[in-house]
Amino acid sequence: MFVASGDDGMLRVFRADTLELLDSIKLDLGPNRVVYDPHTKLLYVGYGGKDAAKDYGEVGIIEAKTEKHIGDIKVDGHPGELLLDQSGKTLFVFVSATNKVQVVDTNKREVVSTWPVSSQRNGDGAFDERTHRLFGGTRTPPRMLVVDSQTGTEIANLATVEGMDGVYFDAAHKRVYVSGAAIRAPGMLSRISKTTLATAKLSGKSRQDLEPVLPSGRRNSTVTTWPRPLTTRNRPRFSCSNQSSETLLALLKFLGRKKQ
């Protein structure tokens, strides 16, 4: 299991069953988004930009088998989101600082297309590859954008919650969930489908205290939350071949104890 930490620029490698720390890979400051390609056994990690006092961002390439940093792909700013297609050949990079989506050819290890977005500070996103749809949340104003993943054409622009901090796609029910909250306001979760836009309040004092758990898939499922033991800035990002919820929860608790 690979865990990125933005504050110290480290990518830590844990054994998923015991949470034993196996290795620590030093990157530049700001590691945040992590995505894994099971075909090539490569890991992509976003960092750099303002966090590293640079006017550009980078996507680091990590060889999972050897746990070595083998290269970087330069992008316009700190990656707010990384979305990889199933073939592993195309990586979508959301760049919040420049309000763009950049398309990376992973074979060439370079940006091949750049698409502007209509709102500012695009961050978290999700991908429905079957319908060629990218879902991206923006913070200024709070919107949920739908973009054609083949052309970059914007298809829809919907209102959503303030302080967007997570976008999740439910393929079974064709729904997109957008989590977020205004500072010092109750946490919110927007549920967006083809025909509806609903918002549900979550328990909690502020978005720093909340980490949403997706519903089980039943139409009337209850949305639950758990407190975050880490600061928002140092929140870990995960990537592994078997992301069981039990393992992730255990790791969160482990990291929370270590921080204390």
Protein backbone atom coordinates (compact mmCIF):
# COMPACT_ATOMS: atom_id res chain seq x y z
CA MET A 1 0.00 0.00 0.00
CA PHE A 2 1.37 3.41 -1.02
CA VAL A 3 0.54 6.48 1.08
CA ALA A 4 1.41 10.02 -0.03
CA SER A 5 2.06 12.77 2.52
CA GLY A 6 2.06 16.36 1.30
CA ASP A 7 3.83 18.02 4.22
CA ASP A 8 7.12 16.12 4.05
CA GLY A 9 7.12 15.09 0.38
CA MET A 10 7.18 11.39 1.15
CA LEU A 11 5.54 8.36 -0.44
CA ARG A 12 5.48 5.60 2.16
CA VAL A 13 5.06 1.93 1.36
CA PHE A 14 3.16 -0.23 3.84
CA ARG A 15 2.48 -3.94 3.93
CA ALA A 16 -1.31 -4.04 3.54
CA ASP A 17 -2.03 -6.91 5.93
CA THR A 18 0.17 -5.84 8.86
CA LEU A 19 0.68 -2.11 8.15
CA GLU A 20 4.42 -2.61 8.51
CA LEU A 21 6.37 0.28 7.01
CA LEU A 22 8.48 -1.20 4.21
CA ASP A 23 10.01 1.83 2.52
CA SER A 24 9.89 5.63 2.22
CA ILE A 25 10.37 7.31 -1.15
CA LYS A 26 11.42 10.97 -1.10
CA LEU A 27 9.64 13.16 -3.65
CA ASP A 28 9.15 16.91 -3.92
CA LEU A 29 6.73 18.69 -1.58
CA GLY A 30 2.98 18.31 -2.03
CA PRO A 31 2.39 14.62 -2.89
CA ASN A 32 -1.36 14.21 -2.89
CA ARG A 33 -3.08 12.20 -5.60
CA VAL A 34 -2.01 8.62 -6.23
CA VAL A 35 -3.17 6.22 -8.96
CA TYR A 36 -1.95 2.70 -9.77
CA ASP A 37 -1.74 0.95 -13.14
CA PRO A 38 -2.03 -2.84 -12.66
CA HIS A 39 -0.88 -3.52 -16.25
CA THR A 40 2.53 -1.89 -15.99
CA LYS A 41 2.82 -2.05 -12.18
CA LEU A 42 3.49 1.68 -12.20
CA LEU A 43 2.25 4.23 -9.71
CA TYR A 44 1.57 7.87 -10.60
CA VAL A 45 1.84 10.52 -7.87
CA GLY A 46 0.98 14.22 -8.22
CA TYR A 47 3.07 16.90 -6.47
CA GLY A 48 5.00 20.13 -6.97
CA GLY A 49 3.50 23.45 -7.98
CA LYS A 50 2.92 26.09 -5.31
CA ASP A 51 3.45 23.51 -2.55
CA ALA A 52 7.05 23.12 -3.74
CA ALA A 53 7.54 26.82 -4.61
CA LYS A 54 7.50 26.00 -8.33
CA ASP A 55 5.50 27.42 -11.23
CA TYR A 56 4.79 23.93 -12.54
CA GLY A 57 3.65 20.59 -11.17
CA GLU A 58 4.82 17.06 -11.70
CA VAL A 59 3.46 13.55 -11.90
CA GLY A 60 6.04 11.19 -10.48
CA ILE A 61 6.35 7.66 -11.86
CA ILE A 62 7.06 4.96 -9.29
CA GLU A 63 7.90 1.36 -10.16
CA ALA A 64 5.80 -0.56 -7.64
CA LYS A 65 7.84 -3.76 -7.85
CA THR A 66 11.14 -2.09 -6.96
CA GLU A 67 9.64 0.90 -5.10
CA LYS A 68 11.87 3.22 -7.15
CA HIS A 69 11.15 6.70 -8.50
CA ILE A 70 11.91 6.28 -12.20
CA GLY A 71 10.69 9.50 -13.81
CA ASP A 72 8.47 12.58 -13.87
CA ILE A 73 5.92 14.14 -16.20
CA LYS A 74 5.78 17.94 -16.15
CA VAL A 75 2.31 19.55 -15.95
CA ASP A 76 1.09 23.15 -15.62
CA GLY A 77 0.58 23.10 -11.85
CA HIS A 78 0.03 20.95 -8.78
CA PRO A 79 -2.25 18.03 -9.79
CA GLY A 80 -5.59 18.30 -8.00
CA GLU A 81 -6.70 14.93 -9.37
CA LEU A 82 -5.28 11.99 -11.33
CA LEU A 83 -7.63 9.69 -13.27
CA LEU A 84 -6.28 6.75 -15.27
CA ASP A 85 -8.19 4.86 -17.95
CA GLN A 86 -8.47 1.07 -17.74
CA SER A 87 -5.81 0.50 -20.39
CA GLY A 88 -3.32 2.57 -18.43
CA LYS A 89 -2.45 4.55 -21.56
CA THR A 90 -4.23 7.82 -20.77
CA LEU A 91 -3.91 9.83 -17.56
CA PHE A 92 -6.17 12.82 -16.89
CA VAL A 93 -4.60 15.48 -14.67
CA PHE A 94 -6.82 18.16 -13.11
CA VAL A 95 -4.76 21.32 -12.54
CA SER A 96 -6.53 23.62 -10.10
CA ALA A 97 -4.06 26.51 -10.32
CA THR A 98 -4.65 27.01 -14.05
CA ASN A 99 -8.27 25.76 -14.29
CA LYS A 100 -7.37 23.06 -16.81
CA VAL A 101 -7.51 19.35 -17.49
CA GLN A 102 -4.31 18.00 -19.04
CA VAL A 103 -4.24 14.68 -20.88
CA VAL A 104 -1.06 12.61 -20.53
CA ASP A 105 0.05 9.82 -22.85
CA THR A 106 1.67 7.46 -20.36
CA ASN A 107 3.67 5.67 -23.07
CA LYS A 108 5.22 8.93 -24.25
CA ARG A 109 5.23 10.30 -20.68
CA GLU A 110 4.13 13.72 -21.86
CA VAL A 111 1.08 15.99 -22.04
CA VAL A 112 -0.71 15.61 -25.37
CA SER A 113 -3.81 17.78 -24.81
CA THR A 114 -4.87 20.64 -22.53
CA TRP A 115 -8.52 21.55 -21.95
CA PRO A 116 -9.75 24.66 -20.10
CA VAL A 117 -12.70 24.33 -17.71
CA SER A 118 -15.47 26.89 -17.32
CA SER A 119 -15.19 27.28 -13.53
CA GLN A 120 -12.18 27.92 -11.31
CA ARG A 121 -10.17 25.66 -8.99
CA ASN A 122 -11.08 22.28 -10.41
CA GLY A 123 -10.03 19.62 -7.94
CA ASP A 124 -11.46 16.18 -7.26
CA GLY A 125 -12.95 14.14 -10.10
CA ALA A 126 -14.26 10.78 -11.26
CA PHE A 127 -14.34 8.93 -14.57
CA ASP A 128 -17.00 6.87 -16.32
CA GLU A 129 -14.96 5.32 -19.07
CA ARG A 130 -17.90 3.44 -20.64
CA THR A 131 -19.68 6.70 -21.55
CA HIS A 132 -16.47 8.76 -21.94
CA ARG A 133 -17.44 11.15 -19.16
CA LEU A 134 -15.13 13.00 -16.78
CA PHE A 135 -16.81 14.43 -13.68
CA GLY A 136 -14.95 17.30 -12.06
CA GLY A 137 -15.78 19.38 -9.02
CA THR A 138 -14.81 23.06 -8.88
CA ARG A 139 -14.69 25.38 -5.88
CA THR A 140 -15.17 28.84 -7.46
CA PRO A 141 -18.09 28.74 -7.94
CA PRO A 142 -19.09 25.34 -6.47
CA ARG A 143 -20.00 23.38 -9.61
CA MET A 144 -19.85 19.83 -10.93
CA LEU A 145 -18.68 19.73 -14.55
CA VAL A 146 -19.18 16.89 -17.01
CA VAL A 147 -16.58 16.72 -19.78
CA ASP A 148 -16.26 14.41 -22.79
CA SER A 149 -13.05 12.48 -22.13
CA GLN A 150 -12.31 12.12 -25.84
CA THR A 151 -12.73 15.73 -26.96
CA GLY A 152 -12.62 17.90 -23.84
CA THR A 153 -16.05 19.32 -24.64
CA GLU A 154 -18.06 20.41 -21.61
CA ILE A 155 -21.41 18.61 -21.58
CA ALA A 156 -23.01 19.78 -18.33
CA ASN A 157 -22.44 22.29 -15.55
CA LEU A 158 -24.37 21.66 -12.32
CA ALA A 159 -24.53 23.45 -8.95
CA THR A 160 -23.11 21.50 -6.02
CA VAL A 161 -21.88 21.97 -2.44
CA GLU A 162 -19.32 24.52 -1.30
CA GLY A 163 -15.84 23.41 -0.33
CA MET A 164 -15.86 20.45 -2.72
CA ASP A 165 -13.49 17.80 -1.40
CA GLY A 166 -14.41 14.55 -3.14
CA VAL A 167 -16.13 13.27 -6.30
CA TYR A 168 -17.19 9.62 -6.57
CA PHE A 169 -18.90 7.72 -9.39
CA ASP A 170 -21.34 4.87 -8.68
CA ALA A 171 -21.35 2.85 -11.92
CA ALA A 172 -24.16 0.54 -10.82
CA HIS A 173 -26.65 3.36 -10.24
CA LYS A 174 -25.22 5.94 -12.66
CA ARG A 175 -24.77 8.49 -9.89
CA VAL A 176 -22.05 10.92 -8.93
CA TYR A 177 -21.49 11.89 -5.29
CA VAL A 178 -19.79 15.18 -4.45
CA SER A 179 -18.69 15.76 -0.84
CA GLY A 180 -17.70 19.06 0.71
CA ALA A 181 -18.67 21.86 3.09
CA ALA A 182 -18.16 25.53 3.70
CA ILE A 183 -15.72 26.28 6.51
CA ARG A 184 -17.42 26.00 9.92
CA ALA A 185 -20.55 24.61 8.31
CA PRO A 186 -22.06 21.12 8.52
CA GLY A 187 -20.61 18.65 6.04
CA MET A 188 -22.60 18.16 2.88
CA LEU A 189 -22.90 15.45 0.28
CA SER A 190 -24.43 16.10 -3.13
CA ARG A 191 -25.93 13.17 -5.02
CA ILE A 192 -26.10 13.79 -8.74
CA SER A 193 -27.76 11.45 -11.23
CA LYS A 194 -28.99 11.91 -14.77
CA THR A 195 -32.27 13.36 -13.58
CA THR A 196 -31.80 14.51 -9.97
CA LEU A 197 -29.61 16.73 -7.84
CA ALA A 198 -30.04 16.14 -4.12
CA THR A 199 -28.06 17.38 -1.14
CA ALA A 200 -27.86 15.63 2.23
CA LYS A 201 -26.41 17.09 5.42
CA LEU A 202 -23.81 15.07 7.26
CA SER A 203 -23.01 15.21 10.93
CA GLY A 204 -19.91 17.14 11.95
CA LYS A 205 -18.58 20.57 12.78
CA SER A 206 -16.60 21.37 9.67
CA ARG A 207 -15.21 19.77 6.57
CA GLN A 208 -11.88 19.23 8.39
CA ASP A 209 -13.70 16.84 10.72
CA LEU A 210 -15.39 14.79 8.03
CA GLU A 211 -14.47 12.05 5.61
CA PRO A 212 -17.53 10.68 3.80
CA VAL A 213 -18.17 6.99 3.23
CA LEU A 214 -20.16 6.17 0.14
CA PRO A 215 -23.58 4.54 0.52
CA SER A 216 -23.83 0.79 0.02
CA GLY A 217 -25.78 1.27 -3.18
CA ARG A 218 -29.33 0.86 -1.88
CA ARG A 219 -31.57 3.69 -2.94
CA ASN A 220 -32.33 4.71 0.65
CA SER A 221 -28.91 4.01 2.11
CA THR A 222 -27.70 6.10 5.04
CA VAL A 223 -24.57 8.16 4.46
CA THR A 224 -22.12 7.90 7.35
CA THR A 225 -18.91 9.68 8.28
CA TRP A 226 -15.85 9.12 10.42
CA PRO A 227 -13.68 11.74 12.19
CA ARG A 228 -10.35 12.47 10.53
CA PRO A 229 -7.43 12.16 12.94
CA LEU A 230 -5.07 13.96 10.53
CA THR A 231 -5.07 17.58 9.43
CA THR A 232 -6.63 18.39 6.07
CA ARG A 233 -3.24 19.47 4.69
CA ASN A 234 -1.55 16.21 5.66
CA ARG A 235 -4.37 13.89 4.65
CA PRO A 236 -2.96 10.71 3.14
CA ARG A 237 -3.85 9.44 -0.32
CA PHE A 238 -3.94 5.72 -1.00
CA SER A 239 -3.23 3.40 -3.87
CA CYS A 240 -3.01 -0.38 -3.73
CA SER A 241 -4.17 -3.42 -5.65
CA ASN A 242 -6.71 -4.38 -2.99
CA GLN A 243 -8.20 -1.32 -1.30
CA SER A 244 -10.40 -2.98 1.32
CA SER A 245 -12.24 -0.52 3.54
CA GLU A 246 -11.08 -2.40 6.63
CA THR A 247 -7.43 -1.95 5.67
CA LEU A 248 -7.84 1.75 4.91
CA LEU A 249 -9.65 2.41 8.18
CA ALA A 250 -6.99 0.52 10.10
CA LEU A 251 -4.26 2.55 8.41
CA LEU A 252 -6.02 5.84 9.20
CA LYS A 253 -6.19 4.86 12.87
CA PHE A 254 -2.53 3.77 12.78
CA LEU A 255 -1.38 7.06 11.25
CA GLY A 256 -3.51 9.01 13.71
CA ARG A 257 -1.80 7.31 16.65
CA LYS A 258 1.64 7.92 15.12
CA LYS A 259 0.87 11.63 14.67
CA GLN A 260 -0.21 11.95 18.31
